[in-house]
Amino acid sequence: RATNRLRNALVVAELSLAIVLLAGAGLMIRSFSALRQVRLGFQPSHALTAEISIPPRKYRSDTAQVAFFDEVERRIAALPGVRAVGAISFLPLSGDRSSSGFIVPGRPAPARGDEPVGDMRAVTPGYFEAMGIPIVAGRPLTAADGASSPGVAVVSETLARTIWPNENAVGKFIDYEWYKMEHVQIVGVAGDVRHEGVDKQPFMEIYRPLPQFAYSTMTVVVRTAGDPSPLARSIRDVVRSIDPDQPVFTVRTMDEWVASSASQPR
């Protein structure tokens, strides 16, 4: 009789544990399903990326570096099936970022170290179209935003909403120090992008035109009409035609970047 009671207690415990495990598994599956529905802020399909890092000892000036990437984009844009091409210094989901504190002119200066922080990105004019990132207010950056033009930036919705919650951010200014003090006017607001992953919140982003915020390492984004993968060889050929010694790194579709970022929670 005592053995039967022990056996029955074990069966009840096993069933209880099984129900708990099933409930936990169901919640995990529902959470992951919800995670897959999160909007990334860009359109990953039909987009191919390629990282290019040019040596500063060879391209010594900002002008030379900007000219190189301009020529790369011009030749890629001429390839069959290409709909848009642009470049960014730190690609979403790549794990790379660079940030700076900033202040708003006319407001009391916060204590040093308490400034709001924005993630800094150098981009070329075609980047937002190539990534499928909407401009929700103002205008995108253009070729007219050159090195000798007034300093401008496009900021993310999160930055605009945080710093100017009840105002239009377009036309406002921010100041920050990056080798020297920069006084920059906001000309547009871009949709939020989840740069760190599908399960991370968007940052406050500051997008600067490449001629005004030169970088020697950029990731080119190419949007195509169909499957972008076959274009990988053509991109390498374009870069080689401009500089035979220049390698191309990390050629991946944006779908692959998204799948990689979701691998751990999956």
C-alpha atoms as a PDB file:
ATOM      1  CA  ARG A   1       0.000   0.000   0.000  1.00  0.00           C
ATOM      2  CA  ALA A   2       2.873   2.405   0.837  1.00  0.00           C
ATOM      3  CA  THR A   3       4.548   1.503  -2.457  1.00  0.00           C
ATOM      4  CA  ASN A   4       1.359   2.304  -4.372  1.00  0.00           C
ATOM      5  CA  ARG A   5       1.082   5.695  -2.667  1.00  0.00           C
ATOM      6  CA  LEU A   6       4.705   6.489  -3.584  1.00  0.00           C
ATOM      7  CA  ARG A   7       4.111   5.371  -7.173  1.00  0.00           C
ATOM      8  CA  ASN A   8       0.987   7.537  -7.450  1.00  0.00           C
ATOM      9  CA  ALA A   9       2.846  10.540  -6.006  1.00  0.00           C
ATOM     10  CA  LEU A  10       5.627  10.079  -8.575  1.00  0.00           C
ATOM     11  CA  VAL A  11       3.095   9.904 -11.417  1.00  0.00           C
ATOM     12  CA  VAL A  12       1.439  13.122 -10.198  1.00  0.00           C
ATOM     13  CA  ALA A  13       4.842  14.821  -9.960  1.00  0.00           C
ATOM     14  CA  GLU A  14       5.798  13.652 -13.464  1.00  0.00           C
ATOM     15  CA  LEU A  15       2.532  14.914 -14.926  1.00  0.00           C
ATOM     16  CA  SER A  16       2.898  18.243 -13.132  1.00  0.00           C
ATOM     17  CA  LEU A  17       6.430  18.664 -14.424  1.00  0.00           C
ATOM     18  CA  ALA A  18       5.343  17.754 -17.960  1.00  0.00           C
ATOM     19  CA  ILE A  19       2.569  20.367 -17.841  1.00  0.00           C
ATOM     20  CA  VAL A  20       5.047  23.015 -16.628  1.00  0.00           C
ATOM     21  CA  LEU A  21       7.503  22.109 -19.411  1.00  0.00           C
ATOM     22  CA  LEU A  22       4.780  22.198 -22.055  1.00  0.00           C
ATOM     23  CA  ALA A  23       3.535  25.560 -20.815  1.00  0.00           C
ATOM     24  CA  GLY A  24       7.096  26.944 -20.808  1.00  0.00           C
ATOM     25  CA  ALA A  25       7.750  25.609 -24.301  1.00  0.00           C
ATOM     26  CA  GLY A  26       4.521  27.145 -25.536  1.00  0.00           C
ATOM     27  CA  LEU A  27       5.445  30.538 -24.081  1.00  0.00           C
ATOM     28  CA  MET A  28       8.926  30.362 -25.633  1.00  0.00           C
ATOM     29  CA  ILE A  29       7.489  29.509 -29.039  1.00  0.00           C
ATOM     30  CA  ARG A  30       4.992  32.368 -28.760  1.00  0.00           C
ATOM     31  CA  SER A  31       7.769  34.775 -27.716  1.00  0.00           C
ATOM     32  CA  PHE A  32       9.964  33.767 -30.650  1.00  0.00           C
ATOM     33  CA  SER A  33       7.026  34.038 -33.033  1.00  0.00           C
ATOM     34  CA  ALA A  34       6.410  37.582 -31.754  1.00  0.00           C
ATOM     35  CA  LEU A  35      10.119  38.343 -32.147  1.00  0.00           C
ATOM     36  CA  ARG A  36       9.969  37.345 -35.816  1.00  0.00           C
ATOM     37  CA  GLN A  37       7.175  39.866 -36.345  1.00  0.00           C
ATOM     38  CA  VAL A  38       9.250  42.780 -35.024  1.00  0.00           C
ATOM     39  CA  ARG A  39       9.810  45.464 -37.639  1.00  0.00           C
ATOM     40  CA  LEU A  40      13.510  45.956 -38.307  1.00  0.00           C
ATOM     41  CA  GLY A  41      13.089  49.390 -39.842  1.00  0.00           C
ATOM     42  CA  PHE A  42      14.540  48.323 -43.199  1.00  0.00           C
ATOM     43  CA  GLN A  43      13.748  45.893 -46.011  1.00  0.00           C
ATOM     44  CA  PRO A  44      16.249  42.986 -45.947  1.00  0.00           C
ATOM     45  CA  SER A  45      15.009  41.174 -49.046  1.00  0.00           C
ATOM     46  CA  HIS A  46      16.786  41.823 -52.371  1.00  0.00           C
ATOM     47  CA  ALA A  47      19.712  43.593 -50.651  1.00  0.00           C
ATOM     48  CA  LEU A  48      23.369  42.570 -50.867  1.00  0.00           C
ATOM     49  CA  THR A  49      26.122  44.062 -48.700  1.00  0.00           C
ATOM     50  CA  ALA A  50      29.892  44.237 -49.157  1.00  0.00           C
ATOM     51  CA  GLU A  51      32.406  45.781 -46.775  1.00  0.00           C
ATOM     52  CA  ILE A  52      35.267  47.798 -48.266  1.00  0.00           C
ATOM     53  CA  SER A  53      38.132  49.139 -46.166  1.00  0.00           C
ATOM     54  CA  ILE A  54      40.567  51.313 -48.089  1.00  0.00           C
ATOM     55  CA  PRO A  55      44.050  51.967 -46.644  1.00  0.00           C
ATOM     56  CA  PRO A  56      44.483  55.577 -45.439  1.00  0.00           C
ATOM     57  CA  ARG A  57      48.176  55.415 -46.364  1.00  0.00           C
ATOM     58  CA  LYS A  58      47.093  55.050 -50.001  1.00  0.00           C
ATOM     59  CA  TYR A  59      43.993  57.271 -49.897  1.00  0.00           C
ATOM     60  CA  ARG A  60      45.478  59.962 -47.691  1.00  0.00           C
ATOM     61  CA  SER A  61      42.799  62.656 -47.836  1.00  0.00           C
ATOM     62  CA  ASP A  62      39.089  62.656 -47.093  1.00  0.00           C
ATOM     63  CA  THR A  63      38.541  63.819 -50.657  1.00  0.00           C
ATOM     64  CA  ALA A  64      40.347  60.779 -52.068  1.00  0.00           C
ATOM     65  CA  GLN A  65      38.380  58.393 -49.864  1.00  0.00           C
ATOM     66  CA  VAL A  66      35.040  59.947 -50.764  1.00  0.00           C
ATOM     67  CA  ALA A  67      35.951  59.908 -54.479  1.00  0.00           C
ATOM     68  CA  PHE A  68      36.749  56.184 -54.274  1.00  0.00           C
ATOM     69  CA  PHE A  69      33.368  55.265 -52.804  1.00  0.00           C
ATOM     70  CA  ASP A  70      31.571  57.607 -55.217  1.00  0.00           C
ATOM     71  CA  GLU A  71      33.158  55.769 -58.149  1.00  0.00           C
ATOM     72  CA  VAL A  72      32.348  52.357 -56.671  1.00  0.00           C
ATOM     73  CA  GLU A  73      28.689  53.312 -56.311  1.00  0.00           C
ATOM     74  CA  ARG A  74      28.535  54.866 -59.782  1.00  0.00           C
ATOM     75  CA  ARG A  75      29.806  51.683 -61.441  1.00  0.00           C
ATOM     76  CA  ILE A  76      27.672  49.337 -59.342  1.00  0.00           C
ATOM     77  CA  ALA A  77      24.573  51.404 -60.142  1.00  0.00           C
ATOM     78  CA  ALA A  78      25.214  50.709 -63.844  1.00  0.00           C
ATOM     79  CA  LEU A  79      25.084  46.905 -63.368  1.00  0.00           C
ATOM     80  CA  PRO A  80      22.001  45.086 -64.708  1.00  0.00           C
ATOM     81  CA  GLY A  81      19.271  44.534 -62.135  1.00  0.00           C
ATOM     82  CA  VAL A  82      20.508  47.154 -59.646  1.00  0.00           C
ATOM     83  CA  ARG A  83      17.749  49.418 -58.354  1.00  0.00           C
ATOM     84  CA  ALA A  84      19.628  51.416 -55.714  1.00  0.00           C
ATOM     85  CA  VAL A  85      23.075  51.554 -54.139  1.00  0.00           C
ATOM     86  CA  GLY A  86      24.390  53.340 -51.062  1.00  0.00           C
ATOM     87  CA  ALA A  87      26.913  52.880 -48.270  1.00  0.00           C
ATOM     88  CA  ILE A  88      27.165  53.232 -44.489  1.00  0.00           C
ATOM     89  CA  SER A  89      30.036  53.185 -42.026  1.00  0.00           C
ATOM     90  CA  PHE A  90      28.348  50.769 -39.574  1.00  0.00           C
ATOM     91  CA  LEU A  91      25.843  48.346 -41.067  1.00  0.00           C
ATOM     92  CA  PRO A  92      22.754  47.381 -39.042  1.00  0.00           C
ATOM     93  CA  LEU A  93      23.099  43.965 -37.320  1.00  0.00           C
ATOM     94  CA  SER A  94      26.878  43.911 -37.877  1.00  0.00           C
ATOM     95  CA  GLY A  95      27.576  44.559 -34.190  1.00  0.00           C
ATOM     96  CA  ASP A  96      29.649  47.679 -34.969  1.00  0.00           C
ATOM     97  CA  ARG A  97      28.774  51.127 -33.689  1.00  0.00           C
ATOM     98  CA  SER A  98      30.327  54.478 -32.802  1.00  0.00           C
ATOM     99  CA  SER A  99      28.652  57.082 -30.616  1.00  0.00           C
ATOM    100  CA  SER A 100      29.062  60.639 -29.375  1.00  0.00           C
ATOM    101  CA  GLY A 101      27.453  62.848 -26.782  1.00  0.00           C
ATOM    102  CA  PHE A 102      25.755  65.965 -28.135  1.00  0.00           C
ATOM    103  CA  ILE A 103      24.041  69.105 -26.901  1.00  0.00           C
ATOM    104  CA  VAL A 104      21.200  71.257 -28.209  1.00  0.00           C
ATOM    105  CA  PRO A 105      22.200  74.897 -28.727  1.00  0.00           C
ATOM    106  CA  GLY A 106      20.092  77.299 -26.691  1.00  0.00           C
ATOM    107  CA  ARG A 107      19.372  74.796 -23.942  1.00  0.00           C
ATOM    108  CA  PRO A 108      21.208  74.619 -20.605  1.00  0.00           C
ATOM    109  CA  ALA A 109      24.297  72.474 -21.059  1.00  0.00           C
ATOM    110  CA  PRO A 110      24.028  69.156 -19.177  1.00  0.00           C
ATOM    111  CA  ALA A 111      26.773  68.091 -16.793  1.00  0.00           C
ATOM    112  CA  ARG A 112      29.743  66.516 -18.541  1.00  0.00           C
ATOM    113  CA  GLY A 113      28.978  62.854 -19.032  1.00  0.00           C
ATOM    114  CA  ASP A 114      25.203  63.390 -18.835  1.00  0.00           C
ATOM    115  CA  GLU A 115      24.792  64.501 -22.456  1.00  0.00           C
ATOM    116  CA  PRO A 116      22.380  62.539 -24.652  1.00  0.00           C
ATOM    117  CA  VAL A 117      24.291  60.081 -26.828  1.00  0.00           C
ATOM    118  CA  GLY A 118      23.721  59.446 -30.513  1.00  0.00           C
ATOM    119  CA  ASP A 119      25.142  56.687 -32.687  1.00  0.00           C
ATOM    120  CA  MET A 120      27.137  58.271 -35.494  1.00  0.00           C
ATOM    121  CA  ARG A 121      26.832  56.879 -39.035  1.00  0.00           C
ATOM    122  CA  ALA A 122      28.448  58.148 -42.210  1.00  0.00           C
ATOM    123  CA  VAL A 123      26.219  57.460 -45.225  1.00  0.00           C
ATOM    124  CA  THR A 124      26.086  58.201 -48.925  1.00  0.00           C
ATOM    125  CA  PRO A 125      22.981  59.709 -50.565  1.00  0.00           C
ATOM    126  CA  GLY A 126      21.571  56.398 -51.822  1.00  0.00           C
ATOM    127  CA  TYR A 127      21.802  54.552 -48.520  1.00  0.00           C
ATOM    128  CA  PHE A 128      18.236  55.064 -47.259  1.00  0.00           C
ATOM    129  CA  GLU A 129      16.723  53.947 -50.559  1.00  0.00           C
ATOM    130  CA  ALA A 130      19.066  50.956 -50.844  1.00  0.00           C
ATOM    131  CA  MET A 131      18.137  49.771 -47.328  1.00  0.00           C
ATOM    132  CA  GLY A 132      14.465  50.601 -47.632  1.00  0.00           C
ATOM    133  CA  ILE A 133      14.546  53.018 -44.683  1.00  0.00           C
ATOM    134  CA  PRO A 134      11.773  55.626 -44.934  1.00  0.00           C
ATOM    135  CA  ILE A 135      12.358  59.344 -44.483  1.00  0.00           C
ATOM    136  CA  VAL A 136       9.384  60.340 -42.327  1.00  0.00           C
ATOM    137  CA  ALA A 137      10.053  64.079 -42.188  1.00  0.00           C
ATOM    138  CA  GLY A 138      12.205  66.530 -44.116  1.00  0.00           C
ATOM    139  CA  ARG A 139      14.553  65.215 -46.779  1.00  0.00           C
ATOM    140  CA  PRO A 140      17.288  62.599 -47.192  1.00  0.00           C
ATOM    141  CA  LEU A 141      20.943  63.500 -47.637  1.00  0.00           C
ATOM    142  CA  THR A 142      21.923  64.363 -51.200  1.00  0.00           C
ATOM    143  CA  ALA A 143      25.020  64.856 -53.334  1.00  0.00           C
ATOM    144  CA  ALA A 144      24.686  68.602 -52.671  1.00  0.00           C
ATOM    145  CA  ASP A 145      25.656  67.981 -49.026  1.00  0.00           C
ATOM    146  CA  GLY A 146      29.360  68.181 -49.785  1.00  0.00           C
ATOM    147  CA  ALA A 147      32.444  68.846 -47.719  1.00  0.00           C
ATOM    148  CA  SER A 148      32.227  72.602 -48.265  1.00  0.00           C
ATOM    149  CA  SER A 149      28.454  72.803 -47.652  1.00  0.00           C
ATOM    150  CA  PRO A 150      26.858  73.617 -44.284  1.00  0.00           C
ATOM    151  CA  GLY A 151      26.920  70.698 -41.855  1.00  0.00           C
ATOM    152  CA  VAL A 152      23.726  68.622 -41.999  1.00  0.00           C
ATOM    153  CA  ALA A 153      22.366  65.388 -40.604  1.00  0.00           C
ATOM    154  CA  VAL A 154      19.397  63.055 -40.741  1.00  0.00           C
ATOM    155  CA  VAL A 155      18.367  61.712 -37.328  1.00  0.00           C
ATOM    156  CA  SER A 156      16.255  58.761 -36.261  1.00  0.00           C
ATOM    157  CA  GLU A 157      12.680  58.970 -34.997  1.00  0.00           C
ATOM    158  CA  THR A 158      13.842  57.934 -31.526  1.00  0.00           C
ATOM    159  CA  LEU A 159      16.262  60.856 -31.340  1.00  0.00           C
ATOM    160  CA  ALA A 160      13.724  63.337 -32.690  1.00  0.00           C
ATOM    161  CA  ARG A 161      11.022  62.109 -30.306  1.00  0.00           C
ATOM    162  CA  THR A 162      13.358  62.065 -27.295  1.00  0.00           C
ATOM    163  CA  ILE A 163      14.982  65.483 -27.786  1.00  0.00           C
ATOM    164  CA  TRP A 164      12.002  67.346 -29.305  1.00  0.00           C
ATOM    165  CA  PRO A 165       8.928  65.412 -28.073  1.00  0.00           C
ATOM    166  CA  ASN A 166       6.399  68.070 -29.045  1.00  0.00           C
ATOM    167  CA  GLU A 167       8.249  69.776 -31.889  1.00  0.00           C
ATOM    168  CA  ASN A 168       9.419  69.155 -35.433  1.00  0.00           C
ATOM    169  CA  ALA A 169      13.116  68.206 -35.329  1.00  0.00           C
ATOM    170  CA  VAL A 170      13.716  69.357 -38.915  1.00  0.00           C
ATOM    171  CA  GLY A 171      15.535  72.673 -38.901  1.00  0.00           C
ATOM    172  CA  LYS A 172      16.887  72.222 -35.377  1.00  0.00           C
ATOM    173  CA  PHE A 173      20.618  72.082 -34.560  1.00  0.00           C
ATOM    174  CA  ILE A 174      22.871  69.847 -32.495  1.00  0.00           C
ATOM    175  CA  ASP A 175      26.498  70.343 -31.464  1.00  0.00           C
ATOM    176  CA  TYR A 176      29.006  67.592 -30.781  1.00  0.00           C
ATOM    177  CA  GLU A 177      32.770  67.135 -30.708  1.00  0.00           C
ATOM    178  CA  TRP A 178      34.420  64.780 -33.193  1.00  0.00           C
ATOM    179  CA  TYR A 179      38.075  65.831 -33.553  1.00  0.00           C
ATOM    180  CA  LYS A 180      36.583  69.337 -33.595  1.00  0.00           C
ATOM    181  CA  MET A 181      33.307  70.956 -32.613  1.00  0.00           C
ATOM    182  CA  GLU A 182      30.559  70.326 -35.145  1.00  0.00           C
ATOM    183  CA  HIS A 183      27.450  72.481 -35.538  1.00  0.00           C
ATOM    184  CA  VAL A 184      24.932  70.463 -37.528  1.00  0.00           C
ATOM    185  CA  GLN A 185      21.432  71.223 -38.800  1.00  0.00           C
ATOM    186  CA  ILE A 186      18.864  68.437 -38.960  1.00  0.00           C
ATOM    187  CA  VAL A 187      17.372  68.239 -42.457  1.00  0.00           C
ATOM    188  CA  GLY A 188      15.448  64.982 -42.142  1.00  0.00           C
ATOM    189  CA  VAL A 189      14.110  62.288 -39.827  1.00  0.00           C
ATOM    190  CA  ALA A 190      14.538  58.615 -40.764  1.00  0.00           C
ATOM    191  CA  GLY A 191      12.540  55.670 -39.514  1.00  0.00           C
ATOM    192  CA  ASP A 192      13.968  53.787 -36.553  1.00  0.00           C
ATOM    193  CA  VAL A 193      16.296  50.865 -37.276  1.00  0.00           C
ATOM    194  CA  ARG A 194      17.139  48.015 -34.915  1.00  0.00           C
ATOM    195  CA  HIS A 195      20.903  48.155 -35.364  1.00  0.00           C
ATOM    196  CA  GLU A 196      21.776  45.742 -32.535  1.00  0.00           C
ATOM    197  CA  GLY A 197      19.293  42.971 -33.314  1.00  0.00           C
ATOM    198  CA  VAL A 198      15.652  42.026 -33.555  1.00  0.00           C
ATOM    199  CA  ASP A 199      15.372  41.831 -29.758  1.00  0.00           C
ATOM    200  CA  LYS A 200      17.054  45.212 -29.071  1.00  0.00           C
ATOM    201  CA  GLN A 201      15.494  48.665 -28.965  1.00  0.00           C
ATOM    202  CA  PRO A 202      16.471  51.312 -31.565  1.00  0.00           C
ATOM    203  CA  PHE A 203      19.178  53.833 -30.707  1.00  0.00           C
ATOM    204  CA  MET A 204      19.223  57.562 -31.195  1.00  0.00           C
ATOM    205  CA  GLU A 205      20.909  57.734 -34.614  1.00  0.00           C
ATOM    206  CA  ILE A 206      22.733  60.606 -36.324  1.00  0.00           C
ATOM    207  CA  TYR A 207      23.411  60.053 -40.036  1.00  0.00           C
ATOM    208  CA  ARG A 208      26.034  62.365 -41.563  1.00  0.00           C
ATOM    209  CA  PRO A 209      26.912  62.705 -45.274  1.00  0.00           C
ATOM    210  CA  LEU A 210      30.174  60.915 -46.057  1.00  0.00           C
ATOM    211  CA  PRO A 211      31.937  64.030 -47.463  1.00  0.00           C
ATOM    212  CA  GLN A 212      31.331  65.799 -44.126  1.00  0.00           C
ATOM    213  CA  PHE A 213      32.094  62.769 -41.961  1.00  0.00           C
ATOM    214  CA  ALA A 214      34.644  60.767 -43.935  1.00  0.00           C
ATOM    215  CA  TYR A 215      35.301  57.104 -43.186  1.00  0.00           C
ATOM    216  CA  SER A 216      37.802  54.769 -44.832  1.00  0.00           C
ATOM    217  CA  THR A 217      35.690  51.666 -44.100  1.00  0.00           C
ATOM    218  CA  MET A 218      32.210  51.525 -45.575  1.00  0.00           C
ATOM    219  CA  THR A 219      29.683  48.798 -46.283  1.00  0.00           C
ATOM    220  CA  VAL A 220      28.050  49.109 -49.679  1.00  0.00           C
ATOM    221  CA  VAL A 221      24.365  48.120 -49.858  1.00  0.00           C
ATOM    222  CA  VAL A 222      22.973  47.115 -53.250  1.00  0.00           C
ATOM    223  CA  ARG A 223      19.238  46.666 -53.799  1.00  0.00           C
ATOM    224  CA  THR A 224      18.314  44.503 -56.773  1.00  0.00           C
ATOM    225  CA  ALA A 225      15.212  43.512 -58.689  1.00  0.00           C
ATOM    226  CA  GLY A 226      15.687  39.803 -57.896  1.00  0.00           C
ATOM    227  CA  ASP A 227      18.039  37.533 -55.975  1.00  0.00           C
ATOM    228  CA  PRO A 228      21.057  39.705 -55.121  1.00  0.00           C
ATOM    229  CA  SER A 229      23.518  36.839 -54.473  1.00  0.00           C
ATOM    230  CA  PRO A 230      24.761  36.468 -58.084  1.00  0.00           C
ATOM    231  CA  LEU A 231      25.857  40.108 -57.977  1.00  0.00           C
ATOM    232  CA  ALA A 232      28.662  39.350 -55.494  1.00  0.00           C
ATOM    233  CA  ARG A 233      31.217  38.599 -58.185  1.00  0.00           C
ATOM    234  CA  SER A 234      30.281  41.705 -60.169  1.00  0.00           C
ATOM    235  CA  ILE A 235      30.811  43.905 -57.102  1.00  0.00           C
ATOM    236  CA  ARG A 236      34.283  42.434 -56.597  1.00  0.00           C
ATOM    237  CA  ASP A 237      35.045  43.026 -60.276  1.00  0.00           C
ATOM    238  CA  VAL A 238      33.933  46.663 -60.005  1.00  0.00           C
ATOM    239  CA  VAL A 239      36.205  47.312 -57.029  1.00  0.00           C
ATOM    240  CA  ARG A 240      39.098  45.529 -58.733  1.00  0.00           C
ATOM    241  CA  SER A 241      38.624  47.645 -61.855  1.00  0.00           C
ATOM    242  CA  ILE A 242      39.070  50.788 -59.750  1.00  0.00           C
ATOM    243  CA  ASP A 243      41.900  49.484 -57.555  1.00  0.00           C
ATOM    244  CA  PRO A 244      43.348  46.023 -58.391  1.00  0.00           C
ATOM    245  CA  ASP A 245      44.852  45.737 -54.889  1.00  0.00           C
ATOM    246  CA  GLN A 246      41.656  46.508 -52.989  1.00  0.00           C
ATOM    247  CA  PRO A 247      39.890  43.487 -51.428  1.00  0.00           C
ATOM    248  CA  VAL A 248      36.188  43.227 -50.653  1.00  0.00           C
ATOM    249  CA  PHE A 249      35.134  41.726 -47.320  1.00  0.00           C
ATOM    250  CA  THR A 250      32.022  40.127 -45.853  1.00  0.00           C
ATOM    251  CA  VAL A 251      29.764  39.870 -48.894  1.00  0.00           C
ATOM    252  CA  ARG A 252      26.376  38.826 -47.479  1.00  0.00           C
ATOM    253  CA  THR A 253      22.714  39.401 -48.178  1.00  0.00           C
ATOM    254  CA  MET A 254      20.733  41.347 -45.595  1.00  0.00           C
ATOM    255  CA  ASP A 255      18.543  38.256 -45.179  1.00  0.00           C
ATOM    256  CA  GLU A 256      21.678  36.435 -43.972  1.00  0.00           C
ATOM    257  CA  TRP A 257      22.444  39.254 -41.525  1.00  0.00           C
ATOM    258  CA  VAL A 258      18.888  39.022 -40.154  1.00  0.00           C
ATOM    259  CA  ALA A 259      19.053  35.220 -39.829  1.00  0.00           C
ATOM    260  CA  SER A 260      22.372  35.509 -37.984  1.00  0.00           C
ATOM    261  CA  SER A 261      21.018  38.089 -35.545  1.00  0.00           C
ATOM    262  CA  ALA A 262      18.070  35.811 -34.711  1.00  0.00           C
ATOM    263  CA  SER A 263      20.173  32.635 -34.322  1.00  0.00           C
ATOM    264  CA  GLN A 264      20.709  32.899 -30.554  1.00  0.00           C
ATOM    265  CA  PRO A 265      17.062  33.454 -29.559  1.00  0.00           C
ATOM    266  CA  ARG A 266      16.050  30.812 -32.128  1.00  0.00           C
END
